[in-house]
C-alpha atoms as a PDB file:
ATOM      1  CA  UNK A   1     -33.826  20.981  23.880  1.00  0.00           C
ATOM      2  CA  UNK A   2     -37.597  22.253  23.256  1.00  0.00           C
ATOM      3  CA  UNK A   3     -37.800  23.660  26.962  1.00  0.00           C
ATOM      4  CA  UNK A   4     -34.537  25.665  26.765  1.00  0.00           C
ATOM      5  CA  UNK A   5     -35.784  26.939  23.594  1.00  0.00           C
ATOM      6  CA  UNK A   6     -39.129  28.576  25.581  1.00  0.00           C
ATOM      7  CA  UNK A   7     -37.816  28.967  28.787  1.00  0.00           C
ATOM      8  CA  UNK A   8     -34.125  29.863  28.229  1.00  0.00           C
ATOM      9  CA  UNK A   9     -33.467  30.990  24.892  1.00  0.00           C
ATOM     10  CA  UNK A  10     -30.076  32.899  25.992  1.00  0.00           C
ATOM     11  CA  UNK A  11     -28.430  29.158  26.917  1.00  0.00           C
ATOM     12  CA  UNK A  12     -27.122  27.519  23.822  1.00  0.00           C
ATOM     13  CA  UNK A  13     -27.697  23.621  24.061  1.00  0.00           C
ATOM     14  CA  UNK A  14     -26.140  21.368  21.368  1.00  0.00           C
ATOM     15  CA  UNK A  15     -27.474  18.095  21.013  1.00  0.00           C
ATOM     16  CA  UNK A  16     -24.740  14.974  20.899  1.00  0.00           C
ATOM     17  CA  UNK A  17     -24.154  11.389  21.568  1.00  0.00           C
ATOM     18  CA  UNK A  18     -21.639   8.567  21.458  1.00  0.00           C
ATOM     19  CA  UNK A  19     -22.038   7.863  17.507  1.00  0.00           C
ATOM     20  CA  UNK A  20     -21.862  11.805  16.754  1.00  0.00           C
ATOM     21  CA  UNK A  21     -18.516  11.977  18.811  1.00  0.00           C
ATOM     22  CA  UNK A  22     -16.969   8.974  17.695  1.00  0.00           C
ATOM     23  CA  UNK A  23     -17.877  10.841  13.764  1.00  0.00           C
ATOM     24  CA  UNK A  24     -15.691  13.670  14.853  1.00  0.00           C
ATOM     25  CA  UNK A  25     -12.994  11.777  16.070  1.00  0.00           C
ATOM     26  CA  UNK A  26     -13.050   9.500  13.165  1.00  0.00           C
ATOM     27  CA  UNK A  27     -13.199  12.536  10.928  1.00  0.00           C
ATOM     28  CA  UNK A  28     -10.200  14.327  12.223  1.00  0.00           C
ATOM     29  CA  UNK A  29      -7.875  11.281  12.436  1.00  0.00           C
ATOM     30  CA  UNK A  30      -8.421  10.813   8.517  1.00  0.00           C
ATOM     31  CA  UNK A  31      -7.936  14.826   8.294  1.00  0.00           C
ATOM     32  CA  UNK A  32      -4.705  14.377  10.019  1.00  0.00           C
ATOM     33  CA  UNK A  33      -3.755  10.407   8.360  1.00  0.00           C
ATOM     34  CA  UNK A  34      -4.454  12.158   4.823  1.00  0.00           C
ATOM     35  CA  UNK A  35      -1.658  14.227   5.938  1.00  0.00           C
ATOM     36  CA  UNK A  36       1.054  12.403   7.914  1.00  0.00           C
ATOM     37  CA  UNK A  37       0.536   9.462   4.771  1.00  0.00           C
ATOM     38  CA  UNK A  38       1.712  12.174   1.894  1.00  0.00           C
ATOM     39  CA  UNK A  39       4.564  13.594   4.336  1.00  0.00           C
ATOM     40  CA  UNK A  40       5.517   9.962   4.790  1.00  0.00           C
ATOM     41  CA  UNK A  41       5.458   8.834   1.364  1.00  0.00           C
ATOM     42  CA  UNK A  42       7.733  11.419  -0.143  1.00  0.00           C
ATOM     43  CA  UNK A  43       9.873  10.807   3.095  1.00  0.00           C
ATOM     44  CA  UNK A  44       9.998   6.977   2.726  1.00  0.00           C
ATOM     45  CA  UNK A  45      10.464   7.341  -1.360  1.00  0.00           C
ATOM     46  CA  UNK A  46      13.715   9.761  -0.280  1.00  0.00           C
ATOM     47  CA  UNK A  47      14.820   7.241   2.147  1.00  0.00           C
ATOM     48  CA  UNK A  48      14.815   4.596  -1.095  1.00  0.00           C
ATOM     49  CA  UNK A  49      16.569   6.661  -3.014  1.00  0.00           C
ATOM     50  CA  UNK A  50      19.288   7.296  -0.976  1.00  0.00           C
ATOM     51  CA  UNK A  51      19.237   3.685   0.232  1.00  0.00           C
ATOM     52  CA  UNK A  52      19.029   2.385  -3.579  1.00  0.00           C
ATOM     53  CA  UNK A  53      21.064   5.081  -4.874  1.00  0.00           C
ATOM     54  CA  UNK A  54      18.708   5.139  -8.066  1.00  0.00           C
ATOM     55  CA  UNK A  55      16.198   8.427  -8.584  1.00  0.00           C
ATOM     56  CA  UNK A  56      14.361   6.200 -10.798  1.00  0.00           C
ATOM     57  CA  UNK A  57      13.109   3.182  -7.957  1.00  0.00           C
ATOM     58  CA  UNK A  58      12.672   5.836  -5.073  1.00  0.00           C
ATOM     59  CA  UNK A  59       9.779   7.317  -7.527  1.00  0.00           C
ATOM     60  CA  UNK A  60       8.815   3.884  -8.650  1.00  0.00           C
ATOM     61  CA  UNK A  61       8.380   2.720  -4.983  1.00  0.00           C
ATOM     62  CA  UNK A  62       5.775   5.221  -4.688  1.00  0.00           C
ATOM     63  CA  UNK A  63       3.130   2.739  -6.875  1.00  0.00           C
ATOM     64  CA  UNK A  64       3.482  -0.625  -4.394  1.00  0.00           C
ATOM     65  CA  UNK A  65       3.165   1.905  -1.986  1.00  0.00           C
ATOM     66  CA  UNK A  66       0.309   4.290  -2.411  1.00  0.00           C
ATOM     67  CA  UNK A  67      -1.815   1.561  -4.462  1.00  0.00           C
ATOM     68  CA  UNK A  68      -2.970  -1.173  -2.241  1.00  0.00           C
ATOM     69  CA  UNK A  69      -4.415   1.594   0.221  1.00  0.00           C
ATOM     70  CA  UNK A  70      -6.264   3.298  -2.743  1.00  0.00           C
ATOM     71  CA  UNK A  71      -7.651  -0.288  -4.300  1.00  0.00           C
ATOM     72  CA  UNK A  72      -7.988  -1.447  -0.813  1.00  0.00           C
ATOM     73  CA  UNK A  73     -10.619   1.504  -0.289  1.00  0.00           C
ATOM     74  CA  UNK A  74     -12.301   0.763  -3.451  1.00  0.00           C
ATOM     75  CA  UNK A  75     -13.149  -2.896  -2.239  1.00  0.00           C
ATOM     76  CA  UNK A  76     -14.418  -1.600   0.656  1.00  0.00           C
ATOM     77  CA  UNK A  77     -16.794   0.913  -0.592  1.00  0.00           C
ATOM     78  CA  UNK A  78     -18.345  -2.165  -2.763  1.00  0.00           C
ATOM     79  CA  UNK A  79     -18.386  -4.036   0.696  1.00  0.00           C
ATOM     80  CA  UNK A  80     -19.372  -1.481   3.175  1.00  0.00           C
ATOM     81  CA  UNK A  81     -18.747   2.116   2.220  1.00  0.00           C
ATOM     82  CA  UNK A  82     -18.631   3.247   5.705  1.00  0.00           C
ATOM     83  CA  UNK A  83     -15.127   4.913   7.204  1.00  0.00           C
ATOM     84  CA  UNK A  84     -15.534   4.708  10.893  1.00  0.00           C
ATOM     85  CA  UNK A  85     -12.635   5.324  13.542  1.00  0.00           C
ATOM     86  CA  UNK A  86     -11.311   1.762  12.934  1.00  0.00           C
ATOM     87  CA  UNK A  87     -10.764   2.224   9.875  1.00  0.00           C
ATOM     88  CA  UNK A  88      -9.381   5.896  10.204  1.00  0.00           C
ATOM     89  CA  UNK A  89      -5.931   4.563  11.370  1.00  0.00           C
ATOM     90  CA  UNK A  90      -5.702   1.325   8.899  1.00  0.00           C
ATOM     91  CA  UNK A  91      -3.452   2.828   6.523  1.00  0.00           C
ATOM     92  CA  UNK A  92      -0.981   4.736   8.806  1.00  0.00           C
ATOM     93  CA  UNK A  93      -1.108   0.770  10.173  1.00  0.00           C
ATOM     94  CA  UNK A  94      -0.471  -1.139   7.240  1.00  0.00           C
ATOM     95  CA  UNK A  95       1.916   1.384   5.319  1.00  0.00           C
ATOM     96  CA  UNK A  96       5.113  -0.033   7.494  1.00  0.00           C
ATOM     97  CA  UNK A  97       3.963  -3.806   6.322  1.00  0.00           C
ATOM     98  CA  UNK A  98       3.497  -2.733   2.524  1.00  0.00           C
ATOM     99  CA  UNK A  99       6.740  -0.668   2.487  1.00  0.00           C
ATOM    100  CA  UNK A 100       9.105  -3.938   3.953  1.00  0.00           C
ATOM    101  CA  UNK A 101       7.445  -5.636   0.520  1.00  0.00           C
ATOM    102  CA  UNK A 102       8.783  -3.346  -1.615  1.00  0.00           C
ATOM    103  CA  UNK A 103      12.314  -2.462   0.073  1.00  0.00           C
ATOM    104  CA  UNK A 104      12.631  -6.608   0.091  1.00  0.00           C
ATOM    105  CA  UNK A 105      12.094  -6.579  -3.504  1.00  0.00           C
ATOM    106  CA  UNK A 106      13.767  -3.378  -4.658  1.00  0.00           C
ATOM    107  CA  UNK A 107      16.994  -4.089  -3.019  1.00  0.00           C
ATOM    108  CA  UNK A 108      17.161  -7.545  -4.453  1.00  0.00           C
ATOM    109  CA  UNK A 109      16.246  -6.416  -8.141  1.00  0.00           C
ATOM    110  CA  UNK A 110      18.718  -3.066  -7.153  1.00  0.00           C
ATOM    111  CA  UNK A 111      21.359  -5.970  -6.364  1.00  0.00           C
ATOM    112  CA  UNK A 112      20.716  -8.241  -9.353  1.00  0.00           C
ATOM    113  CA  UNK A 113      20.854  -5.044 -11.542  1.00  0.00           C
ATOM    114  CA  UNK A 114      24.496  -3.949 -10.018  1.00  0.00           C
ATOM    115  CA  UNK A 115      25.693  -7.790 -10.894  1.00  0.00           C
ATOM    116  CA  UNK A 116      25.395  -7.062 -14.396  1.00  0.00           C
ATOM    117  CA  UNK A 117      22.050  -8.847 -15.007  1.00  0.00           C
ATOM    118  CA  UNK A 118      18.961  -7.138 -17.025  1.00  0.00           C
ATOM    119  CA  UNK A 119      15.702  -6.097 -16.134  1.00  0.00           C
ATOM    120  CA  UNK A 120      14.004  -8.961 -16.629  1.00  0.00           C
ATOM    121  CA  UNK A 121      16.933 -11.291 -14.854  1.00  0.00           C
ATOM    122  CA  UNK A 122      16.393  -9.269 -12.265  1.00  0.00           C
ATOM    123  CA  UNK A 123      13.223  -9.543 -11.733  1.00  0.00           C
ATOM    124  CA  UNK A 124      13.369 -13.351 -11.917  1.00  0.00           C
ATOM    125  CA  UNK A 125      16.181 -13.014  -9.038  1.00  0.00           C
ATOM    126  CA  UNK A 126      13.989 -10.867  -6.724  1.00  0.00           C
ATOM    127  CA  UNK A 127      11.007 -13.457  -7.238  1.00  0.00           C
ATOM    128  CA  UNK A 128      13.178 -15.973  -6.135  1.00  0.00           C
ATOM    129  CA  UNK A 129      14.960 -14.350  -3.356  1.00  0.00           C
ATOM    130  CA  UNK A 130      11.802 -12.899  -1.819  1.00  0.00           C
ATOM    131  CA  UNK A 131       9.250 -14.185  -3.076  1.00  0.00           C
ATOM    132  CA  UNK A 132       8.258 -16.918  -1.001  1.00  0.00           C
ATOM    133  CA  UNK A 133       9.052 -15.082   2.555  1.00  0.00           C
ATOM    134  CA  UNK A 134       6.946 -12.088   0.940  1.00  0.00           C
ATOM    135  CA  UNK A 135       3.976 -14.814   0.223  1.00  0.00           C
ATOM    136  CA  UNK A 136       4.126 -16.624   3.520  1.00  0.00           C
ATOM    137  CA  UNK A 137       4.587 -13.276   5.552  1.00  0.00           C
ATOM    138  CA  UNK A 138       1.306 -11.846   3.632  1.00  0.00           C
ATOM    139  CA  UNK A 139      -0.670 -15.284   4.345  1.00  0.00           C
ATOM    140  CA  UNK A 140       0.095 -15.103   8.215  1.00  0.00           C
ATOM    141  CA  UNK A 141      -0.671 -11.409   8.493  1.00  0.00           C
ATOM    142  CA  UNK A 142      -3.956 -12.190   6.486  1.00  0.00           C
ATOM    143  CA  UNK A 143      -5.157 -15.127   8.407  1.00  0.00           C
ATOM    144  CA  UNK A 144      -3.862 -12.931  11.724  1.00  0.00           C
ATOM    145  CA  UNK A 145      -6.258  -9.929  10.602  1.00  0.00           C
ATOM    146  CA  UNK A 146      -8.899 -11.801   9.278  1.00  0.00           C
ATOM    147  CA  UNK A 147      -9.723 -13.443  12.797  1.00  0.00           C
ATOM    148  CA  UNK A 148     -10.294  -9.651  14.203  1.00  0.00           C
ATOM    149  CA  UNK A 149     -13.757 -10.094  11.796  1.00  0.00           C
ATOM    150  CA  UNK A 150     -15.232 -12.291  14.392  1.00  0.00           C
ATOM    151  CA  UNK A 151     -15.225  -9.910  17.155  1.00  0.00           C
ATOM    152  CA  UNK A 152     -18.265  -8.598  18.387  1.00  0.00           C
ATOM    153  CA  UNK A 153     -17.096  -5.062  18.691  1.00  0.00           C
ATOM    154  CA  UNK A 154     -17.778  -3.124  14.726  1.00  0.00           C
ATOM    155  CA  UNK A 155     -14.350  -1.198  15.229  1.00  0.00           C
ATOM    156  CA  UNK A 156     -12.450  -3.979  15.482  1.00  0.00           C
ATOM    157  CA  UNK A 157     -13.925  -6.370  12.893  1.00  0.00           C
ATOM    158  CA  UNK A 158     -14.196  -3.366  10.115  1.00  0.00           C
ATOM    159  CA  UNK A 159     -10.458  -2.962  10.914  1.00  0.00           C
ATOM    160  CA  UNK A 160      -9.053  -6.900  10.742  1.00  0.00           C
ATOM    161  CA  UNK A 161     -11.058  -6.981   7.413  1.00  0.00           C
ATOM    162  CA  UNK A 162      -9.627  -3.931   5.645  1.00  0.00           C
ATOM    163  CA  UNK A 163      -6.349  -4.201   7.008  1.00  0.00           C
ATOM    164  CA  UNK A 164      -6.328  -8.118   5.484  1.00  0.00           C
ATOM    165  CA  UNK A 165      -7.584  -6.634   2.250  1.00  0.00           C
ATOM    166  CA  UNK A 166      -4.976  -4.275   1.986  1.00  0.00           C
ATOM    167  CA  UNK A 167      -1.606  -6.450   3.073  1.00  0.00           C
ATOM    168  CA  UNK A 168      -3.036  -9.060   0.415  1.00  0.00           C
ATOM    169  CA  UNK A 169      -3.784  -6.271  -2.272  1.00  0.00           C
ATOM    170  CA  UNK A 170      -0.013  -5.205  -1.674  1.00  0.00           C
ATOM    171  CA  UNK A 171       1.075  -8.808  -1.991  1.00  0.00           C
ATOM    172  CA  UNK A 172      -0.468  -8.561  -5.740  1.00  0.00           C
ATOM    173  CA  UNK A 173       0.584  -5.300  -6.309  1.00  0.00           C
ATOM    174  CA  UNK A 174       4.304  -6.153  -5.696  1.00  0.00           C
ATOM    175  CA  UNK A 175       4.059  -9.369  -7.944  1.00  0.00           C
ATOM    176  CA  UNK A 176       1.951  -7.674 -10.800  1.00  0.00           C
ATOM    177  CA  UNK A 177       2.384  -4.209 -11.666  1.00  0.00           C
ATOM    178  CA  UNK A 178       5.860  -3.558  -9.637  1.00  0.00           C
ATOM    179  CA  UNK A 179       7.393  -5.956 -12.060  1.00  0.00           C
ATOM    180  CA  UNK A 180       5.691  -4.562 -14.799  1.00  0.00           C
ATOM    181  CA  UNK A 181       6.536  -0.940 -14.240  1.00  0.00           C
ATOM    182  CA  UNK A 182       9.990  -2.188 -13.856  1.00  0.00           C
ATOM    183  CA  UNK A 183       9.986  -3.488 -17.097  1.00  0.00           C
ATOM    184  CA  UNK A 184       8.296  -0.275 -18.793  1.00  0.00           C
ATOM    185  CA  UNK A 185      10.532   2.251 -16.832  1.00  0.00           C
ATOM    186  CA  UNK A 186      13.930   0.526 -15.957  1.00  0.00           C
ATOM    187  CA  UNK A 187      15.333  -0.309 -19.267  1.00  0.00           C
ATOM    188  CA  UNK A 188      18.638   0.544 -19.987  1.00  0.00           C
ATOM    189  CA  UNK A 189      21.243   0.173 -23.262  1.00  0.00           C
ATOM    190  CA  UNK A 190      21.641  -3.895 -22.061  1.00  0.00           C
ATOM    191  CA  UNK A 191      18.129  -4.448 -22.221  1.00  0.00           C
ATOM    192  CA  UNK A 192      17.883  -3.087 -25.709  1.00  0.00           C
ATOM    193  CA  UNK A 193      20.644  -4.486 -26.969  1.00  0.00           C
ATOM    194  CA  UNK A 194      19.407  -8.000 -26.039  1.00  0.00           C
ATOM    195  CA  UNK A 195      15.911  -7.130 -27.868  1.00  0.00           C
ATOM    196  CA  UNK A 196      17.907  -6.206 -30.762  1.00  0.00           C
ATOM    197  CA  UNK A 197      19.864  -9.782 -30.387  1.00  0.00           C
ATOM    198  CA  UNK A 198      16.635 -11.956 -30.203  1.00  0.00           C
ATOM    199  CA  UNK A 199      15.119 -10.053 -32.729  1.00  0.00           C
ATOM    200  CA  UNK A 200      18.063 -10.573 -35.279  1.00  0.00           C
ATOM    201  CA  UNK A 201      18.322 -14.383 -34.379  1.00  0.00           C
ATOM    202  CA  UNK A 202      14.685 -15.023 -35.072  1.00  0.00           C
ATOM    203  CA  UNK A 203      15.570 -13.715 -38.463  1.00  0.00           C
ATOM    204  CA  UNK A 204      18.327 -15.372 -39.005  1.00  0.00           C
ATOM    205  CA  UNK A 205      16.222 -18.583 -38.263  1.00  0.00           C
ATOM    206  CA  UNK A 206      13.334 -17.313 -40.800  1.00  0.00           C
END
């Protein structure tokens, strides 16, 4: 570049390298992923609203769908903090797996609600119906993607570790946070009546 600057100043030269090239590709992928993920989240929620016939459950589904990726990248920031080309596709790749768990849990929950169960009973039914399957699936997927961490190619190793982290976090969110949000936001008159009955029974015992 120094030679061109002194002997051919009219020629414009820009330095480049494979690292710079992959950095630009990763940045472009991240920008596209953010836009596509935002649209995908709202489309998935809209489909769940139609499938479950519940606007409330469709909105609640955003929490277990968005939360794992946010928490997973937060953990990754503590581990490495570098977003390379391999990690730029992780969220899109894991979204389908995360949504499957959410759909299975909420569909069983909705079935129990339609059968007349209250919120707590419906959550217990969902756990008993799909809890074991979700756990086994998550362990298998986490184990498989974790094997990529032994790859000598760093992009594959980072992708495998981040994917395993996000899938595991998704299971934690579905088992801990999703039931809590359902208990807080999906109560009905039947739940309030049961709470009043329990309170009255306690007073009668005293």
